[in-house]
Amino acid sequence: MRLASARDSIEFFERFAARPADLTQAHHDRFEDDQGKSRSVDAEALDAVFQLVKDDVKAVVLNACYSELQALAIARSIAHVIGMSNAIGAARQ
């Protein structure tokens, strides 16, 4: 972590005895501001995180509208990344 270019933008939070639902909620909390509104993730921060796990992660799918810039940042480290350049349409039944 000391060598990561975006190390100052990465924060660590401890979660003891975490259940899968707890981890999911903690993950969602990282992408919201203090008012609970969505915020985009800085591309440099994503790049730094995925640099750390590039030997273990082979593919990333971003399930978010307008995630192309984030996908491009992740693609610096990960071979296969899927992001969206537009809005994701509602599922049709």
C-alpha atoms as a PDB file:
ATOM      1  CA  MET A   1       0.000   0.000   0.000  1.00  0.00           C
ATOM      2  CA  ARG A   2       2.841   2.407   0.736  1.00  0.00           C
ATOM      3  CA  LEU A   3       3.886   2.329  -2.914  1.00  0.00           C
ATOM      4  CA  ALA A   4       0.403   2.828  -4.414  1.00  0.00           C
ATOM      5  CA  SER A   5       0.028   6.125  -6.266  1.00  0.00           C
ATOM      6  CA  ALA A   6      -3.444   6.765  -4.803  1.00  0.00           C
ATOM      7  CA  ARG A   7      -2.650   5.460  -1.302  1.00  0.00           C
ATOM      8  CA  ASP A   8      -4.013   8.615   0.350  1.00  0.00           C
ATOM      9  CA  SER A   9      -7.469   8.010  -1.115  1.00  0.00           C
ATOM     10  CA  ILE A  10      -7.817   4.464   0.256  1.00  0.00           C
ATOM     11  CA  GLU A  11      -9.400   3.867   3.636  1.00  0.00           C
ATOM     12  CA  PHE A  12      -9.638   0.638   5.610  1.00  0.00           C
ATOM     13  CA  PHE A  13     -12.544  -0.254   7.899  1.00  0.00           C
ATOM     14  CA  GLU A  14     -12.684  -3.184  10.281  1.00  0.00           C
ATOM     15  CA  ARG A  15     -15.755  -5.405  10.361  1.00  0.00           C
ATOM     16  CA  PHE A  16     -15.622  -8.149  12.994  1.00  0.00           C
ATOM     17  CA  ALA A  17     -17.692 -11.340  12.638  1.00  0.00           C
ATOM     18  CA  ALA A  18     -19.085 -10.019   9.371  1.00  0.00           C
ATOM     19  CA  ARG A  19     -21.830 -11.911   7.603  1.00  0.00           C
ATOM     20  CA  PRO A  20     -22.263 -11.700   3.813  1.00  0.00           C
ATOM     21  CA  ALA A  21     -25.073  -9.152   4.228  1.00  0.00           C
ATOM     22  CA  ASP A  22     -22.797  -7.000   6.409  1.00  0.00           C
ATOM     23  CA  LEU A  23     -20.098  -7.017   3.746  1.00  0.00           C
ATOM     24  CA  THR A  24     -22.589  -6.093   1.058  1.00  0.00           C
ATOM     25  CA  GLN A  25     -23.874  -3.168   3.116  1.00  0.00           C
ATOM     26  CA  ALA A  26     -20.342  -1.964   3.891  1.00  0.00           C
ATOM     27  CA  HIS A  27     -19.540  -2.104   0.186  1.00  0.00           C
ATOM     28  CA  HIS A  28     -22.606  -0.027  -0.688  1.00  0.00           C
ATOM     29  CA  ASP A  29     -21.776   2.510   2.031  1.00  0.00           C
ATOM     30  CA  ARG A  30     -18.452   3.268   0.323  1.00  0.00           C
ATOM     31  CA  PHE A  31     -20.299   4.547  -2.745  1.00  0.00           C
ATOM     32  CA  GLU A  32     -22.583   6.997  -0.966  1.00  0.00           C
ATOM     33  CA  ASP A  33     -22.018  10.479   0.387  1.00  0.00           C
ATOM     34  CA  ASP A  34     -23.067  11.680   3.852  1.00  0.00           C
ATOM     35  CA  GLN A  35     -26.643  12.215   2.615  1.00  0.00           C
ATOM     36  CA  GLY A  36     -26.910   8.652   1.258  1.00  0.00           C
ATOM     37  CA  LYS A  37     -26.741   9.735  -2.387  1.00  0.00           C
ATOM     38  CA  SER A  38     -24.680   7.810  -4.912  1.00  0.00           C
ATOM     39  CA  ARG A  39     -21.269   9.093  -5.831  1.00  0.00           C
ATOM     40  CA  SER A  40     -18.843   7.945  -8.473  1.00  0.00           C
ATOM     41  CA  VAL A  41     -15.609   6.241  -7.537  1.00  0.00           C
ATOM     42  CA  ASP A  42     -12.368   7.994  -8.383  1.00  0.00           C
ATOM     43  CA  ALA A  43     -10.590   6.171 -11.218  1.00  0.00           C
ATOM     44  CA  GLU A  44      -7.189   6.540  -9.559  1.00  0.00           C
ATOM     45  CA  ALA A  45      -8.479   4.914  -6.368  1.00  0.00           C
ATOM     46  CA  LEU A  46      -9.865   1.985  -8.362  1.00  0.00           C
ATOM     47  CA  ASP A  47      -6.596   1.633 -10.216  1.00  0.00           C
ATOM     48  CA  ALA A  48      -4.679   1.499  -6.929  1.00  0.00           C
ATOM     49  CA  VAL A  49      -7.003  -1.137  -5.450  1.00  0.00           C
ATOM     50  CA  PHE A  50      -6.905  -3.393  -8.475  1.00  0.00           C
ATOM     51  CA  GLN A  51      -3.116  -3.091  -8.735  1.00  0.00           C
ATOM     52  CA  LEU A  52      -3.026  -4.841  -5.364  1.00  0.00           C
ATOM     53  CA  VAL A  53      -5.167  -7.785  -6.465  1.00  0.00           C
ATOM     54  CA  LYS A  54      -4.170  -8.089 -10.128  1.00  0.00           C
ATOM     55  CA  ASP A  55      -2.559 -11.509  -9.629  1.00  0.00           C
ATOM     56  CA  ASP A  56      -5.748 -12.963  -8.140  1.00  0.00           C
ATOM     57  CA  VAL A  57      -8.530 -11.232 -10.128  1.00  0.00           C
ATOM     58  CA  LYS A  58      -9.051 -12.224 -13.752  1.00  0.00           C
ATOM     59  CA  ALA A  59     -12.298 -10.411 -14.594  1.00  0.00           C
ATOM     60  CA  VAL A  60     -14.447  -7.557 -13.250  1.00  0.00           C
ATOM     61  CA  VAL A  61     -18.050  -6.727 -14.146  1.00  0.00           C
ATOM     62  CA  LEU A  62     -19.307  -3.294 -13.076  1.00  0.00           C
ATOM     63  CA  ASN A  63     -23.067  -3.444 -12.631  1.00  0.00           C
ATOM     64  CA  ALA A  64     -23.573   0.306 -12.864  1.00  0.00           C
ATOM     65  CA  CYS A  65     -24.708   2.870 -15.390  1.00  0.00           C
ATOM     66  CA  TYR A  66     -21.992   5.072 -16.880  1.00  0.00           C
ATOM     67  CA  SER A  67     -19.154   2.967 -15.481  1.00  0.00           C
ATOM     68  CA  GLU A  68     -16.927   3.178 -18.561  1.00  0.00           C
ATOM     69  CA  LEU A  69     -14.295   5.445 -16.971  1.00  0.00           C
ATOM     70  CA  GLN A  70     -14.043   3.185 -13.942  1.00  0.00           C
ATOM     71  CA  ALA A  71     -13.767   0.140 -16.221  1.00  0.00           C
ATOM     72  CA  LEU A  72     -10.936   1.785 -18.157  1.00  0.00           C
ATOM     73  CA  ALA A  73      -9.087   2.493 -14.915  1.00  0.00           C
ATOM     74  CA  ILE A  74      -9.498  -1.098 -13.729  1.00  0.00           C
ATOM     75  CA  ALA A  75      -8.391  -2.375 -17.149  1.00  0.00           C
ATOM     76  CA  ARG A  76      -4.923  -0.963 -16.446  1.00  0.00           C
ATOM     77  CA  SER A  77      -4.469  -3.919 -14.094  1.00  0.00           C
ATOM     78  CA  ILE A  78      -7.138  -6.505 -14.936  1.00  0.00           C
ATOM     79  CA  ALA A  79      -7.318  -8.234 -18.329  1.00  0.00           C
ATOM     80  CA  HIS A  80     -11.108  -8.516 -18.650  1.00  0.00           C
ATOM     81  CA  VAL A  81     -13.396  -5.685 -17.508  1.00  0.00           C
ATOM     82  CA  ILE A  82     -16.985  -4.856 -18.436  1.00  0.00           C
ATOM     83  CA  GLY A  83     -18.418  -1.388 -17.840  1.00  0.00           C
ATOM     84  CA  MET A  84     -21.241   0.637 -19.360  1.00  0.00           C
ATOM     85  CA  SER A  85     -20.936   3.807 -21.433  1.00  0.00           C
ATOM     86  CA  ASN A  86     -24.677   4.495 -21.088  1.00  0.00           C
ATOM     87  CA  ALA A  87     -27.566   3.811 -18.741  1.00  0.00           C
ATOM     88  CA  ILE A  88     -28.502   0.199 -18.116  1.00  0.00           C
ATOM     89  CA  GLY A  89     -32.070  -0.320 -19.306  1.00  0.00           C
ATOM     90  CA  ALA A  90     -34.777  -1.800 -17.111  1.00  0.00           C
ATOM     91  CA  ALA A  91     -35.291  -5.540 -17.535  1.00  0.00           C
ATOM     92  CA  ARG A  92     -38.193  -6.432 -19.793  1.00  0.00           C
ATOM     93  CA  GLN A  93     -40.428  -9.346 -19.000  1.00  0.00           C
END
